[in-house]
Amino acid sequence: MLNIIMAVLLAAAGTSTAASPTETVQTAVQQVFSQAGGPAVTTVSAAQRRADVRKITDTLFDFDEMSQRSLGSAWTQASPVERQEFVRLFGGLIANAYMGRIEQYAGEPITYVSERVDGDDASVQSRVVTPKGSEIGIEYRLYRGTDGRWTVYDLYVDGFSLVGSYKAQFNRIIQRGSFAELLKQLRLKAGS
């Protein structure tokens, strides 16, 4: 199940200005999987495929918004320099943690069940069917930016928020230490 969660996170990348939320997610899934395992795989190095997938994910996920939501009140207390570093490290954490999973994706079918749009907010419900036949619900939470593009700010997998999970982890680290300690741990994970 973790592999599917990781794959779906990276699968949701790439946007189109006039696309609906569902079209945005569907396009992203197709782009990522074609980069990760398409026919051109033999002509492109693994490092280049990962870089290409990362570019796609950077166009869909709003790592600034995800960072703010995952830090909560700690975001406003951080300096602009600390915020910038956090966004870079957090985006890298998500990409690096899940990049390998996309390469392990076994082609499980993804069904887009519904879309709900409420002004500039939207959600896209999807289901992934595992090789054993069980279904995993994936809900993409998106918002429409001033440029008209839909971007993802959170994912719910079987009802659990990705941002909420990180928020709980980050709050524990900050409460035990400091924001500087959180940045230090993220730097260690990133290898920088």
C-alpha atoms as a PDB file:
ATOM      1  CA  MET A   1       0.000   0.000   0.000  1.00  0.00           C
ATOM      2  CA  LEU A   2       2.855   2.381   0.798  1.00  0.00           C
ATOM      3  CA  ASN A   3       4.217   1.914  -2.715  1.00  0.00           C
ATOM      4  CA  ILE A   4       0.883   2.918  -4.188  1.00  0.00           C
ATOM      5  CA  ILE A   5       0.641   5.974  -1.938  1.00  0.00           C
ATOM      6  CA  MET A   6       4.116   7.042  -2.935  1.00  0.00           C
ATOM      7  CA  ALA A   7       3.456   6.437  -6.618  1.00  0.00           C
ATOM      8  CA  VAL A   8       0.231   8.367  -6.601  1.00  0.00           C
ATOM      9  CA  LEU A   9       1.880  11.316  -4.882  1.00  0.00           C
ATOM     10  CA  LEU A  10       4.405  11.648  -7.647  1.00  0.00           C
ATOM     11  CA  ALA A  11       1.887  10.713 -10.269  1.00  0.00           C
ATOM     12  CA  ALA A  12      -0.045  13.876  -9.636  1.00  0.00           C
ATOM     13  CA  ALA A  13       2.127  16.273 -11.558  1.00  0.00           C
ATOM     14  CA  GLY A  14       1.885  18.556 -14.576  1.00  0.00           C
ATOM     15  CA  THR A  15      -0.800  21.103 -15.254  1.00  0.00           C
ATOM     16  CA  SER A  16      -2.660  22.788 -18.030  1.00  0.00           C
ATOM     17  CA  THR A  17      -3.933  26.335 -17.701  1.00  0.00           C
ATOM     18  CA  ALA A  18      -7.509  25.631 -18.789  1.00  0.00           C
ATOM     19  CA  ALA A  19      -7.724  22.111 -17.408  1.00  0.00           C
ATOM     20  CA  SER A  20     -10.293  21.085 -14.823  1.00  0.00           C
ATOM     21  CA  PRO A  21      -8.965  19.691 -11.535  1.00  0.00           C
ATOM     22  CA  THR A  22      -9.566  16.115 -12.712  1.00  0.00           C
ATOM     23  CA  GLU A  23      -7.938  16.768 -16.096  1.00  0.00           C
ATOM     24  CA  THR A  24      -4.977  18.299 -14.274  1.00  0.00           C
ATOM     25  CA  VAL A  25      -4.490  15.203 -12.132  1.00  0.00           C
ATOM     26  CA  GLN A  26      -5.083  12.760 -15.016  1.00  0.00           C
ATOM     27  CA  THR A  27      -2.603  14.574 -17.245  1.00  0.00           C
ATOM     28  CA  ALA A  28      -0.072  14.532 -14.455  1.00  0.00           C
ATOM     29  CA  VAL A  29      -0.448  10.810 -13.881  1.00  0.00           C
ATOM     30  CA  GLN A  30       0.092  10.119 -17.579  1.00  0.00           C
ATOM     31  CA  GLN A  31       3.135  12.413 -17.793  1.00  0.00           C
ATOM     32  CA  VAL A  32       4.842  10.995 -14.743  1.00  0.00           C
ATOM     33  CA  PHE A  33       4.288   7.377 -15.696  1.00  0.00           C
ATOM     34  CA  SER A  34       5.427   7.967 -19.250  1.00  0.00           C
ATOM     35  CA  GLN A  35       8.637   9.548 -17.880  1.00  0.00           C
ATOM     36  CA  ALA A  36       9.149   6.840 -15.278  1.00  0.00           C
ATOM     37  CA  GLY A  37       8.508   3.774 -17.376  1.00  0.00           C
ATOM     38  CA  GLY A  38       7.739   4.651 -20.951  1.00  0.00           C
ATOM     39  CA  PRO A  39       9.388   3.226 -24.063  1.00  0.00           C
ATOM     40  CA  ALA A  40      12.176   5.816 -23.983  1.00  0.00           C
ATOM     41  CA  VAL A  41      13.405   4.511 -20.626  1.00  0.00           C
ATOM     42  CA  THR A  42      16.303   2.643 -22.194  1.00  0.00           C
ATOM     43  CA  THR A  43      17.637   5.817 -23.825  1.00  0.00           C
ATOM     44  CA  VAL A  44      17.477   8.019 -20.726  1.00  0.00           C
ATOM     45  CA  SER A  45      19.458   7.523 -17.528  1.00  0.00           C
ATOM     46  CA  ALA A  46      17.689   6.916 -14.219  1.00  0.00           C
ATOM     47  CA  ALA A  47      19.018  10.258 -12.962  1.00  0.00           C
ATOM     48  CA  GLN A  48      17.559  12.059 -15.981  1.00  0.00           C
ATOM     49  CA  ARG A  49      14.182  10.299 -15.569  1.00  0.00           C
ATOM     50  CA  ARG A  50      14.119  11.350 -11.917  1.00  0.00           C
ATOM     51  CA  ALA A  51      14.969  14.933 -12.863  1.00  0.00           C
ATOM     52  CA  ASP A  52      12.203  14.921 -15.480  1.00  0.00           C
ATOM     53  CA  VAL A  53       9.661  13.544 -12.993  1.00  0.00           C
ATOM     54  CA  ARG A  54      10.750  16.147 -10.428  1.00  0.00           C
ATOM     55  CA  LYS A  55      10.131  18.943 -12.956  1.00  0.00           C
ATOM     56  CA  ILE A  56       6.637  17.616 -13.547  1.00  0.00           C
ATOM     57  CA  THR A  57       5.862  17.367  -9.826  1.00  0.00           C
ATOM     58  CA  ASP A  58       7.156  20.896  -9.279  1.00  0.00           C
ATOM     59  CA  THR A  59       4.526  22.191 -11.717  1.00  0.00           C
ATOM     60  CA  LEU A  60       1.587  20.619  -9.883  1.00  0.00           C
ATOM     61  CA  PHE A  61       2.416  20.604  -6.201  1.00  0.00           C
ATOM     62  CA  ASP A  62       2.487  23.955  -4.465  1.00  0.00           C
ATOM     63  CA  PHE A  63       5.341  23.228  -2.074  1.00  0.00           C
ATOM     64  CA  ASP A  64       5.059  26.738  -0.593  1.00  0.00           C
ATOM     65  CA  GLU A  65       1.436  26.119   0.384  1.00  0.00           C
ATOM     66  CA  MET A  66       2.174  22.572   1.542  1.00  0.00           C
ATOM     67  CA  SER A  67       5.037  23.918   3.650  1.00  0.00           C
ATOM     68  CA  GLN A  68       2.888  26.579   5.274  1.00  0.00           C
ATOM     69  CA  ARG A  69       0.159  24.091   6.082  1.00  0.00           C
ATOM     70  CA  SER A  70       2.593  21.498   7.406  1.00  0.00           C
ATOM     71  CA  LEU A  71       4.239  24.006   9.749  1.00  0.00           C
ATOM     72  CA  GLY A  72       1.133  25.793  10.983  1.00  0.00           C
ATOM     73  CA  SER A  73       2.005  28.644  13.338  1.00  0.00           C
ATOM     74  CA  ALA A  74       5.727  27.861  13.115  1.00  0.00           C
ATOM     75  CA  TRP A  75       5.621  29.209   9.542  1.00  0.00           C
ATOM     76  CA  THR A  76       4.853  32.747  10.695  1.00  0.00           C
ATOM     77  CA  GLN A  77       7.597  32.596  13.326  1.00  0.00           C
ATOM     78  CA  ALA A  78      10.272  31.553  10.835  1.00  0.00           C
ATOM     79  CA  SER A  79      12.370  34.136   9.033  1.00  0.00           C
ATOM     80  CA  PRO A  80      12.023  34.515   5.247  1.00  0.00           C
ATOM     81  CA  VAL A  81      15.387  32.774   4.803  1.00  0.00           C
ATOM     82  CA  GLU A  82      14.290  29.878   7.035  1.00  0.00           C
ATOM     83  CA  ARG A  83      11.003  29.594   5.134  1.00  0.00           C
ATOM     84  CA  GLN A  84      12.794  29.472   1.803  1.00  0.00           C
ATOM     85  CA  GLU A  85      15.140  26.758   3.027  1.00  0.00           C
ATOM     86  CA  PHE A  86      12.258  24.801   4.527  1.00  0.00           C
ATOM     87  CA  VAL A  87      10.284  24.872   1.252  1.00  0.00           C
ATOM     88  CA  ARG A  88      13.357  23.648  -0.642  1.00  0.00           C
ATOM     89  CA  LEU A  89      14.064  20.878   1.876  1.00  0.00           C
ATOM     90  CA  PHE A  90      10.424  19.861   2.260  1.00  0.00           C
ATOM     91  CA  GLY A  91       9.911  19.680  -1.509  1.00  0.00           C
ATOM     92  CA  GLY A  92      13.050  17.577  -1.764  1.00  0.00           C
ATOM     93  CA  LEU A  93      11.911  15.338   1.079  1.00  0.00           C
ATOM     94  CA  ILE A  94       8.655  14.534  -0.664  1.00  0.00           C
ATOM     95  CA  ALA A  95      10.279  14.054  -4.052  1.00  0.00           C
ATOM     96  CA  ASN A  96      13.171  11.941  -2.782  1.00  0.00           C
ATOM     97  CA  ALA A  97      11.044   9.813  -0.480  1.00  0.00           C
ATOM     98  CA  TYR A  98       8.674   8.877  -3.248  1.00  0.00           C
ATOM     99  CA  MET A  99      10.766   9.060  -6.431  1.00  0.00           C
ATOM    100  CA  GLY A 100      11.936   5.459  -6.154  1.00  0.00           C
ATOM    101  CA  ARG A 101       8.359   4.306  -5.606  1.00  0.00           C
ATOM    102  CA  ILE A 102       7.222   5.574  -8.972  1.00  0.00           C
ATOM    103  CA  GLU A 103       9.752   3.282 -10.625  1.00  0.00           C
ATOM    104  CA  GLN A 104       8.226   0.333  -8.761  1.00  0.00           C
ATOM    105  CA  TYR A 105       4.692   1.185  -9.862  1.00  0.00           C
ATOM    106  CA  ALA A 106       3.168  -1.951 -11.312  1.00  0.00           C
ATOM    107  CA  GLY A 107       0.512  -0.289 -13.461  1.00  0.00           C
ATOM    108  CA  GLU A 108      -2.373  -0.604 -11.020  1.00  0.00           C
ATOM    109  CA  PRO A 109      -5.489   0.960 -12.533  1.00  0.00           C
ATOM    110  CA  ILE A 110      -6.475   4.426 -11.323  1.00  0.00           C
ATOM    111  CA  THR A 111     -10.118   5.422 -11.552  1.00  0.00           C
ATOM    112  CA  TYR A 112     -11.228   9.022 -11.163  1.00  0.00           C
ATOM    113  CA  VAL A 113     -14.461   8.826  -9.212  1.00  0.00           C
ATOM    114  CA  SER A 114     -15.594  12.413  -8.728  1.00  0.00           C
ATOM    115  CA  GLU A 115     -14.661  16.057  -8.702  1.00  0.00           C
ATOM    116  CA  ARG A 116     -15.962  18.808  -6.450  1.00  0.00           C
ATOM    117  CA  VAL A 117     -15.281  22.466  -7.207  1.00  0.00           C
ATOM    118  CA  ASP A 118     -16.198  25.198  -4.733  1.00  0.00           C
ATOM    119  CA  GLY A 119     -14.960  28.507  -6.102  1.00  0.00           C
ATOM    120  CA  ASP A 120     -11.167  28.343  -6.177  1.00  0.00           C
ATOM    121  CA  ASP A 121     -10.995  25.122  -4.130  1.00  0.00           C
ATOM    122  CA  ALA A 122     -11.453  21.628  -5.495  1.00  0.00           C
ATOM    123  CA  SER A 123     -11.051  17.988  -4.676  1.00  0.00           C
ATOM    124  CA  VAL A 124     -10.589  15.040  -6.997  1.00  0.00           C
ATOM    125  CA  GLN A 125     -11.508  11.592  -5.716  1.00  0.00           C
ATOM    126  CA  SER A 126      -9.732   8.627  -7.221  1.00  0.00           C
ATOM    127  CA  ARG A 127      -9.277   4.934  -6.507  1.00  0.00           C
ATOM    128  CA  VAL A 128      -6.295   2.707  -7.066  1.00  0.00           C
ATOM    129  CA  VAL A 129      -6.892  -1.023  -7.345  1.00  0.00           C
ATOM    130  CA  THR A 130      -4.001  -3.078  -5.962  1.00  0.00           C
ATOM    131  CA  PRO A 131      -2.836  -6.327  -7.580  1.00  0.00           C
ATOM    132  CA  LYS A 132      -4.713  -8.166  -4.796  1.00  0.00           C
ATOM    133  CA  GLY A 133      -7.950  -6.396  -5.747  1.00  0.00           C
ATOM    134  CA  SER A 134      -8.302  -4.021  -2.806  1.00  0.00           C
ATOM    135  CA  GLU A 135      -9.100  -0.358  -3.434  1.00  0.00           C
ATOM    136  CA  ILE A 136      -7.268   2.618  -1.988  1.00  0.00           C
ATOM    137  CA  GLY A 137      -9.006   5.975  -1.987  1.00  0.00           C
ATOM    138  CA  ILE A 138      -6.908   8.969  -3.005  1.00  0.00           C
ATOM    139  CA  GLU A 139      -8.259  12.502  -2.712  1.00  0.00           C
ATOM    140  CA  TYR A 140      -6.318  15.377  -4.218  1.00  0.00           C
ATOM    141  CA  ARG A 141      -6.997  18.786  -2.661  1.00  0.00           C
ATOM    142  CA  LEU A 142      -6.339  21.606  -5.084  1.00  0.00           C
ATOM    143  CA  TYR A 143      -6.790  25.336  -5.386  1.00  0.00           C
ATOM    144  CA  ARG A 144      -6.847  27.638  -8.384  1.00  0.00           C
ATOM    145  CA  GLY A 145      -4.103  30.240  -8.365  1.00  0.00           C
ATOM    146  CA  THR A 146      -4.277  33.743  -9.764  1.00  0.00           C
ATOM    147  CA  ASP A 147      -2.915  32.354 -13.040  1.00  0.00           C
ATOM    148  CA  GLY A 148      -5.951  30.037 -13.345  1.00  0.00           C
ATOM    149  CA  ARG A 149      -3.929  26.836 -12.852  1.00  0.00           C
ATOM    150  CA  TRP A 150      -5.006  24.185 -10.378  1.00  0.00           C
ATOM    151  CA  THR A 151      -2.298  23.049  -7.950  1.00  0.00           C
ATOM    152  CA  VAL A 152      -2.299  20.379  -5.269  1.00  0.00           C
ATOM    153  CA  TYR A 153      -1.775  21.448  -1.670  1.00  0.00           C
ATOM    154  CA  ASP A 154      -2.628  18.141   0.037  1.00  0.00           C
ATOM    155  CA  LEU A 155      -3.378  14.479  -0.601  1.00  0.00           C
ATOM    156  CA  TYR A 156      -5.637  12.279   1.467  1.00  0.00           C
ATOM    157  CA  VAL A 157      -4.939   8.570   1.214  1.00  0.00           C
ATOM    158  CA  ASP A 158      -7.732   6.461   2.692  1.00  0.00           C
ATOM    159  CA  GLY A 159      -8.766   9.506   4.698  1.00  0.00           C
ATOM    160  CA  PHE A 160      -5.324  10.441   6.033  1.00  0.00           C
ATOM    161  CA  SER A 161      -3.788  13.781   5.098  1.00  0.00           C
ATOM    162  CA  LEU A 162      -0.203  13.837   3.845  1.00  0.00           C
ATOM    163  CA  VAL A 163       0.248  17.424   5.063  1.00  0.00           C
ATOM    164  CA  GLY A 164      -1.414  16.581   8.377  1.00  0.00           C
ATOM    165  CA  SER A 165       0.975  13.678   8.916  1.00  0.00           C
ATOM    166  CA  TYR A 166       4.001  15.861   8.273  1.00  0.00           C
ATOM    167  CA  LYS A 167       2.541  18.614  10.455  1.00  0.00           C
ATOM    168  CA  ALA A 168       2.331  16.245  13.423  1.00  0.00           C
ATOM    169  CA  GLN A 169       5.938  15.097  12.892  1.00  0.00           C
ATOM    170  CA  PHE A 170       7.273  18.629  12.438  1.00  0.00           C
ATOM    171  CA  ASN A 171       5.409  19.949  15.491  1.00  0.00           C
ATOM    172  CA  ARG A 172       6.936  17.211  17.677  1.00  0.00           C
ATOM    173  CA  ILE A 173      10.435  18.125  16.497  1.00  0.00           C
ATOM    174  CA  ILE A 174       9.852  21.854  17.027  1.00  0.00           C
ATOM    175  CA  GLN A 175       8.317  21.308  20.482  1.00  0.00           C
ATOM    176  CA  ARG A 176      11.231  19.144  21.611  1.00  0.00           C
ATOM    177  CA  GLY A 177      13.829  21.451  20.119  1.00  0.00           C
ATOM    178  CA  SER A 178      13.370  24.358  17.742  1.00  0.00           C
ATOM    179  CA  PHE A 179      12.707  25.296  14.147  1.00  0.00           C
ATOM    180  CA  ALA A 180      16.484  25.264  13.648  1.00  0.00           C
ATOM    181  CA  GLU A 181      16.488  21.626  14.822  1.00  0.00           C
ATOM    182  CA  LEU A 182      13.805  20.764  12.264  1.00  0.00           C
ATOM    183  CA  LEU A 183      15.863  22.361   9.495  1.00  0.00           C
ATOM    184  CA  LYS A 184      18.933  20.467  10.705  1.00  0.00           C
ATOM    185  CA  GLN A 185      17.078  17.140  10.543  1.00  0.00           C
ATOM    186  CA  LEU A 186      15.718  17.930   7.081  1.00  0.00           C
ATOM    187  CA  ARG A 187      19.223  18.849   5.900  1.00  0.00           C
ATOM    188  CA  LEU A 188      20.512  15.500   7.175  1.00  0.00           C
ATOM    189  CA  LYS A 189      17.760  13.648   5.321  1.00  0.00           C
ATOM    190  CA  ALA A 190      18.531  15.613   2.173  1.00  0.00           C
ATOM    191  CA  GLY A 191      22.246  14.955   2.518  1.00  0.00           C
ATOM    192  CA  SER A 192      23.073  18.666   2.361  1.00  0.00           C
END
